[in-house]
């Protein structure tokens, strides 16, 4: 009996790949993108509450003012971002792992890839679970192209036994064209 090799593509990555191949965001990706500014808001609100806490006790009588402020500062921007990302096109590319050494303690860094024409592709954000990349190995990569940089959604080795099930579907093209407001484009887009 042959011993099964450990599968490096996690269950969570598989879920994200299946959602992304349809041209959709996985609910966890969509939630992370929509609520991203709330983290900074909470980081700023905690020291403000400590400094202004005693003075705010007097204002607590006007609870409706706090509720209105919360809605304006937190809920409205989150809903606007959720709507924006619900309409953002997802892109697909076949990229190759770089030869850079990745350390486990540099977990916040997104993996770097290069395109077939040897252009380095960097991702400013990573919404995919960690997966070690091998230099020169081909990967199936789904990403968002935003003004602030590319956001890595999901990726997997192209030579994986399940790779065929992670390739873009025909609905991917139509959904991408509808979100871009244009005619259908080639699935694999040339990266700059």
C-alpha atoms as a PDB file:
ATOM      1  CA  UNK A   1       0.000   0.000   0.000  1.00  0.00           C
ATOM      2  CA  UNK A   2       1.388   3.392  -0.992  1.00  0.00           C
ATOM      3  CA  UNK A   3       1.679   6.003   1.727  1.00  0.00           C
ATOM      4  CA  UNK A   4      -0.309   9.188   0.994  1.00  0.00           C
ATOM      5  CA  UNK A   5       1.719  12.376   0.700  1.00  0.00           C
ATOM      6  CA  UNK A   6       0.754  15.289   2.941  1.00  0.00           C
ATOM      7  CA  UNK A   7      -1.437  17.715   0.966  1.00  0.00           C
ATOM      8  CA  UNK A   8      -0.056  21.226   1.314  1.00  0.00           C
ATOM      9  CA  UNK A   9      -3.283  22.907   0.077  1.00  0.00           C
ATOM     10  CA  UNK A  10      -5.434  23.425   3.158  1.00  0.00           C
ATOM     11  CA  UNK A  11      -9.193  22.962   3.313  1.00  0.00           C
ATOM     12  CA  UNK A  12      -9.663  26.709   3.728  1.00  0.00           C
ATOM     13  CA  UNK A  13      -7.550  27.402   0.634  1.00  0.00           C
ATOM     14  CA  UNK A  14      -9.622  24.858  -1.316  1.00  0.00           C
ATOM     15  CA  UNK A  15     -12.831  26.673  -0.323  1.00  0.00           C
ATOM     16  CA  UNK A  16     -11.398  29.993  -1.449  1.00  0.00           C
ATOM     17  CA  UNK A  17     -10.148  28.557  -4.745  1.00  0.00           C
ATOM     18  CA  UNK A  18     -13.583  27.112  -5.518  1.00  0.00           C
ATOM     19  CA  UNK A  19     -15.294  30.446  -4.818  1.00  0.00           C
ATOM     20  CA  UNK A  20     -12.690  32.451  -6.749  1.00  0.00           C
ATOM     21  CA  UNK A  21     -12.818  30.198  -9.810  1.00  0.00           C
ATOM     22  CA  UNK A  22     -16.444  31.281 -10.245  1.00  0.00           C
ATOM     23  CA  UNK A  23     -15.368  34.940 -10.167  1.00  0.00           C
ATOM     24  CA  UNK A  24     -16.743  35.443  -6.649  1.00  0.00           C
ATOM     25  CA  UNK A  25     -15.144  36.308  -3.350  1.00  0.00           C
ATOM     26  CA  UNK A  26     -15.320  33.745  -0.556  1.00  0.00           C
ATOM     27  CA  UNK A  27     -17.443  35.142   2.319  1.00  0.00           C
ATOM     28  CA  UNK A  28     -14.363  35.318   4.585  1.00  0.00           C
ATOM     29  CA  UNK A  29     -12.439  37.295   1.937  1.00  0.00           C
ATOM     30  CA  UNK A  30     -15.357  39.644   1.396  1.00  0.00           C
ATOM     31  CA  UNK A  31     -15.746  40.189   5.157  1.00  0.00           C
ATOM     32  CA  UNK A  32     -12.013  40.870   5.582  1.00  0.00           C
ATOM     33  CA  UNK A  33     -12.010  43.416   2.768  1.00  0.00           C
ATOM     34  CA  UNK A  34     -15.165  45.176   3.950  1.00  0.00           C
ATOM     35  CA  UNK A  35     -14.194  45.440   7.625  1.00  0.00           C
ATOM     36  CA  UNK A  36     -10.522  46.310   7.131  1.00  0.00           C
ATOM     37  CA  UNK A  37     -10.879  49.991   8.220  1.00  0.00           C
ATOM     38  CA  UNK A  38     -12.616  48.939  11.432  1.00  0.00           C
ATOM     39  CA  UNK A  39      -9.345  47.556  12.810  1.00  0.00           C
ATOM     40  CA  UNK A  40      -7.702  50.971  12.518  1.00  0.00           C
ATOM     41  CA  UNK A  41     -10.806  52.619  13.928  1.00  0.00           C
ATOM     42  CA  UNK A  42     -10.712  50.348  16.992  1.00  0.00           C
ATOM     43  CA  UNK A  43      -6.996  50.989  17.455  1.00  0.00           C
ATOM     44  CA  UNK A  44      -7.672  54.718  17.491  1.00  0.00           C
ATOM     45  CA  UNK A  45     -10.833  54.482  19.608  1.00  0.00           C
ATOM     46  CA  UNK A  46      -9.232  52.586  22.504  1.00  0.00           C
ATOM     47  CA  UNK A  47      -6.732  55.337  23.488  1.00  0.00           C
ATOM     48  CA  UNK A  48      -9.391  57.986  22.875  1.00  0.00           C
ATOM     49  CA  UNK A  49     -11.755  56.201  25.267  1.00  0.00           C
ATOM     50  CA  UNK A  50      -9.044  56.065  27.936  1.00  0.00           C
ATOM     51  CA  UNK A  51      -8.177  59.759  27.573  1.00  0.00           C
ATOM     52  CA  UNK A  52     -11.720  61.040  27.139  1.00  0.00           C
ATOM     53  CA  UNK A  53     -13.458  58.394  29.281  1.00  0.00           C
ATOM     54  CA  UNK A  54     -14.267  60.529  32.346  1.00  0.00           C
ATOM     55  CA  UNK A  55     -15.581  63.349  30.168  1.00  0.00           C
ATOM     56  CA  UNK A  56     -17.721  60.968  28.131  1.00  0.00           C
ATOM     57  CA  UNK A  57     -19.579  59.767  31.250  1.00  0.00           C
ATOM     58  CA  UNK A  58     -21.561  63.006  31.213  1.00  0.00           C
ATOM     59  CA  UNK A  59     -22.521  62.536  27.577  1.00  0.00           C
ATOM     60  CA  UNK A  60     -23.757  58.942  28.130  1.00  0.00           C
ATOM     61  CA  UNK A  61     -27.181  60.384  28.869  1.00  0.00           C
ATOM     62  CA  UNK A  62     -27.460  61.099  25.160  1.00  0.00           C
ATOM     63  CA  UNK A  63     -27.111  57.430  24.119  1.00  0.00           C
ATOM     64  CA  UNK A  64     -28.708  58.144  20.764  1.00  0.00           C
ATOM     65  CA  UNK A  65     -25.768  60.418  19.911  1.00  0.00           C
ATOM     66  CA  UNK A  66     -23.335  57.520  20.432  1.00  0.00           C
ATOM     67  CA  UNK A  67     -25.505  55.241  18.329  1.00  0.00           C
ATOM     68  CA  UNK A  68     -25.682  57.798  15.516  1.00  0.00           C
ATOM     69  CA  UNK A  69     -21.911  58.362  15.683  1.00  0.00           C
ATOM     70  CA  UNK A  70     -21.255  54.617  15.550  1.00  0.00           C
ATOM     71  CA  UNK A  71     -23.483  54.241  12.489  1.00  0.00           C
ATOM     72  CA  UNK A  72     -21.808  57.140  10.688  1.00  0.00           C
ATOM     73  CA  UNK A  73     -18.245  56.186  11.591  1.00  0.00           C
ATOM     74  CA  UNK A  74     -18.363  52.376  11.380  1.00  0.00           C
ATOM     75  CA  UNK A  75     -21.424  50.969   9.665  1.00  0.00           C
ATOM     76  CA  UNK A  76     -21.760  53.278   6.654  1.00  0.00           C
ATOM     77  CA  UNK A  77     -18.126  52.925   5.462  1.00  0.00           C
ATOM     78  CA  UNK A  78     -18.293  49.160   5.971  1.00  0.00           C
ATOM     79  CA  UNK A  79     -21.443  48.895   3.860  1.00  0.00           C
ATOM     80  CA  UNK A  80     -19.936  51.082   1.133  1.00  0.00           C
ATOM     81  CA  UNK A  81     -16.787  48.920   1.024  1.00  0.00           C
ATOM     82  CA  UNK A  82     -18.884  45.731   0.991  1.00  0.00           C
ATOM     83  CA  UNK A  83     -20.817  47.028  -2.011  1.00  0.00           C
ATOM     84  CA  UNK A  84     -17.609  48.081  -3.765  1.00  0.00           C
ATOM     85  CA  UNK A  85     -15.969  44.673  -3.342  1.00  0.00           C
ATOM     86  CA  UNK A  86     -19.126  42.854  -4.380  1.00  0.00           C
ATOM     87  CA  UNK A  87     -18.635  44.517  -7.790  1.00  0.00           C
ATOM     88  CA  UNK A  88     -14.845  44.242  -8.092  1.00  0.00           C
ATOM     89  CA  UNK A  89     -13.559  41.889 -10.814  1.00  0.00           C
ATOM     90  CA  UNK A  90     -11.312  38.989  -9.844  1.00  0.00           C
ATOM     91  CA  UNK A  91      -8.316  38.147 -12.027  1.00  0.00           C
ATOM     92  CA  UNK A  92      -6.533  34.877 -12.689  1.00  0.00           C
ATOM     93  CA  UNK A  93      -2.917  34.277 -13.682  1.00  0.00           C
ATOM     94  CA  UNK A  94      -0.423  31.451 -13.915  1.00  0.00           C
ATOM     95  CA  UNK A  95       2.617  32.630 -11.982  1.00  0.00           C
ATOM     96  CA  UNK A  96       5.879  31.055 -10.845  1.00  0.00           C
ATOM     97  CA  UNK A  97       7.326  30.984  -7.334  1.00  0.00           C
ATOM     98  CA  UNK A  98      10.440  33.059  -6.724  1.00  0.00           C
ATOM     99  CA  UNK A  99      13.679  31.819  -5.267  1.00  0.00           C
ATOM    100  CA  UNK A 100      13.371  34.062  -2.204  1.00  0.00           C
ATOM    101  CA  UNK A 101      13.880  32.360   1.145  1.00  0.00           C
ATOM    102  CA  UNK A 102      10.689  32.430   3.236  1.00  0.00           C
ATOM    103  CA  UNK A 103      10.896  32.204   6.967  1.00  0.00           C
ATOM    104  CA  UNK A 104       8.009  31.099   9.138  1.00  0.00           C
ATOM    105  CA  UNK A 105       8.392  34.098  11.404  1.00  0.00           C
ATOM    106  CA  UNK A 106       7.788  36.425   8.438  1.00  0.00           C
ATOM    107  CA  UNK A 107       4.173  35.247   8.298  1.00  0.00           C
ATOM    108  CA  UNK A 108       2.786  38.697   7.407  1.00  0.00           C
ATOM    109  CA  UNK A 109       4.642  38.822   4.089  1.00  0.00           C
ATOM    110  CA  UNK A 110       2.785  37.799   0.974  1.00  0.00           C
ATOM    111  CA  UNK A 111       4.542  35.287  -1.247  1.00  0.00           C
ATOM    112  CA  UNK A 112       6.254  36.747  -4.293  1.00  0.00           C
ATOM    113  CA  UNK A 113       5.736  35.417  -7.767  1.00  0.00           C
ATOM    114  CA  UNK A 114       7.027  36.127 -11.242  1.00  0.00           C
ATOM    115  CA  UNK A 115       5.197  35.988 -14.535  1.00  0.00           C
ATOM    116  CA  UNK A 116       6.200  33.928 -17.576  1.00  0.00           C
ATOM    117  CA  UNK A 117       8.028  36.970 -18.999  1.00  0.00           C
ATOM    118  CA  UNK A 118      10.076  37.207 -15.756  1.00  0.00           C
ATOM    119  CA  UNK A 119       8.310  40.232 -14.251  1.00  0.00           C
ATOM    120  CA  UNK A 120       8.158  40.135 -10.444  1.00  0.00           C
ATOM    121  CA  UNK A 121       4.597  40.296  -9.134  1.00  0.00           C
ATOM    122  CA  UNK A 122       4.149  41.630  -5.610  1.00  0.00           C
ATOM    123  CA  UNK A 123       0.972  41.563  -3.592  1.00  0.00           C
ATOM    124  CA  UNK A 124       0.318  44.361  -1.116  1.00  0.00           C
ATOM    125  CA  UNK A 125      -2.209  42.255   0.807  1.00  0.00           C
ATOM    126  CA  UNK A 126      -2.810  38.561   1.312  1.00  0.00           C
ATOM    127  CA  UNK A 127      -6.289  37.192   1.932  1.00  0.00           C
ATOM    128  CA  UNK A 128      -5.203  33.594   1.386  1.00  0.00           C
ATOM    129  CA  UNK A 129      -4.011  31.122   4.014  1.00  0.00           C
ATOM    130  CA  UNK A 130      -0.258  30.565   4.201  1.00  0.00           C
ATOM    131  CA  UNK A 131       1.171  28.119   1.693  1.00  0.00           C
ATOM    132  CA  UNK A 132       4.897  27.663   1.099  1.00  0.00           C
ATOM    133  CA  UNK A 133       6.019  28.405  -2.449  1.00  0.00           C
ATOM    134  CA  UNK A 134       8.768  26.615  -4.315  1.00  0.00           C
ATOM    135  CA  UNK A 135      11.124  28.495  -6.653  1.00  0.00           C
ATOM    136  CA  UNK A 136      10.215  27.982 -10.306  1.00  0.00           C
ATOM    137  CA  UNK A 137       7.018  26.038  -9.598  1.00  0.00           C
ATOM    138  CA  UNK A 138       3.902  27.161 -11.475  1.00  0.00           C
ATOM    139  CA  UNK A 139       0.916  28.356  -9.422  1.00  0.00           C
ATOM    140  CA  UNK A 140      -2.714  29.111 -10.194  1.00  0.00           C
ATOM    141  CA  UNK A 141      -3.285  32.560  -8.664  1.00  0.00           C
ATOM    142  CA  UNK A 142      -6.494  34.539  -8.122  1.00  0.00           C
ATOM    143  CA  UNK A 143      -6.159  38.185  -7.141  1.00  0.00           C
ATOM    144  CA  UNK A 144      -7.797  41.616  -7.052  1.00  0.00           C
ATOM    145  CA  UNK A 145      -6.175  44.523  -8.864  1.00  0.00           C
ATOM    146  CA  UNK A 146      -6.734  47.653  -6.770  1.00  0.00           C
ATOM    147  CA  UNK A 147      -5.257  51.154  -6.941  1.00  0.00           C
ATOM    148  CA  UNK A 148      -3.308  50.463  -3.722  1.00  0.00           C
ATOM    149  CA  UNK A 149      -1.816  47.263  -5.170  1.00  0.00           C
ATOM    150  CA  UNK A 150      -2.753  43.683  -5.849  1.00  0.00           C
ATOM    151  CA  UNK A 151      -4.531  41.612  -3.204  1.00  0.00           C
ATOM    152  CA  UNK A 152      -3.767  37.877  -3.236  1.00  0.00           C
ATOM    153  CA  UNK A 153      -7.010  35.920  -2.864  1.00  0.00           C
ATOM    154  CA  UNK A 154      -5.949  32.308  -3.338  1.00  0.00           C
ATOM    155  CA  UNK A 155      -3.261  30.207  -4.998  1.00  0.00           C
ATOM    156  CA  UNK A 156      -2.293  26.583  -5.481  1.00  0.00           C
ATOM    157  CA  UNK A 157       0.376  24.592  -7.327  1.00  0.00           C
ATOM    158  CA  UNK A 158      -0.544  24.023 -10.980  1.00  0.00           C
ATOM    159  CA  UNK A 159       0.715  20.422 -10.799  1.00  0.00           C
ATOM    160  CA  UNK A 160      -1.568  19.520  -7.870  1.00  0.00           C
ATOM    161  CA  UNK A 161      -3.849  16.532  -8.458  1.00  0.00           C
ATOM    162  CA  UNK A 162      -6.953  18.772  -8.041  1.00  0.00           C
ATOM    163  CA  UNK A 163      -5.641  21.708 -10.096  1.00  0.00           C
ATOM    164  CA  UNK A 164      -8.115  21.122 -12.926  1.00  0.00           C
ATOM    165  CA  UNK A 165     -11.009  21.780 -10.530  1.00  0.00           C
ATOM    166  CA  UNK A 166      -9.510  25.151  -9.533  1.00  0.00           C
ATOM    167  CA  UNK A 167      -9.226  26.610 -13.028  1.00  0.00           C
ATOM    168  CA  UNK A 168     -11.649  29.435 -13.965  1.00  0.00           C
ATOM    169  CA  UNK A 169     -15.084  28.360 -15.121  1.00  0.00           C
ATOM    170  CA  UNK A 170     -17.018  29.917 -18.029  1.00  0.00           C
ATOM    171  CA  UNK A 171     -18.999  31.910 -15.456  1.00  0.00           C
ATOM    172  CA  UNK A 172     -15.696  33.494 -14.358  1.00  0.00           C
ATOM    173  CA  UNK A 173     -15.346  35.288 -17.700  1.00  0.00           C
ATOM    174  CA  UNK A 174     -18.908  36.522 -17.826  1.00  0.00           C
ATOM    175  CA  UNK A 175     -18.869  37.684 -14.212  1.00  0.00           C
ATOM    176  CA  UNK A 176     -15.541  39.468 -14.731  1.00  0.00           C
ATOM    177  CA  UNK A 177     -16.815  41.206 -17.884  1.00  0.00           C
ATOM    178  CA  UNK A 178     -20.017  42.275 -16.136  1.00  0.00           C
ATOM    179  CA  UNK A 179     -18.079  43.681 -13.181  1.00  0.00           C
ATOM    180  CA  UNK A 180     -15.667  45.519 -15.458  1.00  0.00           C
ATOM    181  CA  UNK A 181     -18.518  46.803 -17.592  1.00  0.00           C
ATOM    182  CA  UNK A 182     -16.882  45.607 -20.807  1.00  0.00           C
ATOM    183  CA  UNK A 183     -16.758  42.766 -23.279  1.00  0.00           C
ATOM    184  CA  UNK A 184     -15.318  39.456 -22.038  1.00  0.00           C
ATOM    185  CA  UNK A 185     -11.526  39.484 -21.732  1.00  0.00           C
ATOM    186  CA  UNK A 186      -9.064  36.601 -21.810  1.00  0.00           C
ATOM    187  CA  UNK A 187      -9.100  34.699 -18.514  1.00  0.00           C
ATOM    188  CA  UNK A 188      -5.354  34.969 -18.028  1.00  0.00           C
ATOM    189  CA  UNK A 189      -4.502  38.630 -18.009  1.00  0.00           C
ATOM    190  CA  UNK A 190      -1.064  39.912 -18.772  1.00  0.00           C
ATOM    191  CA  UNK A 191       0.479  41.382 -15.606  1.00  0.00           C
ATOM    192  CA  UNK A 192       2.339  44.656 -15.555  1.00  0.00           C
END
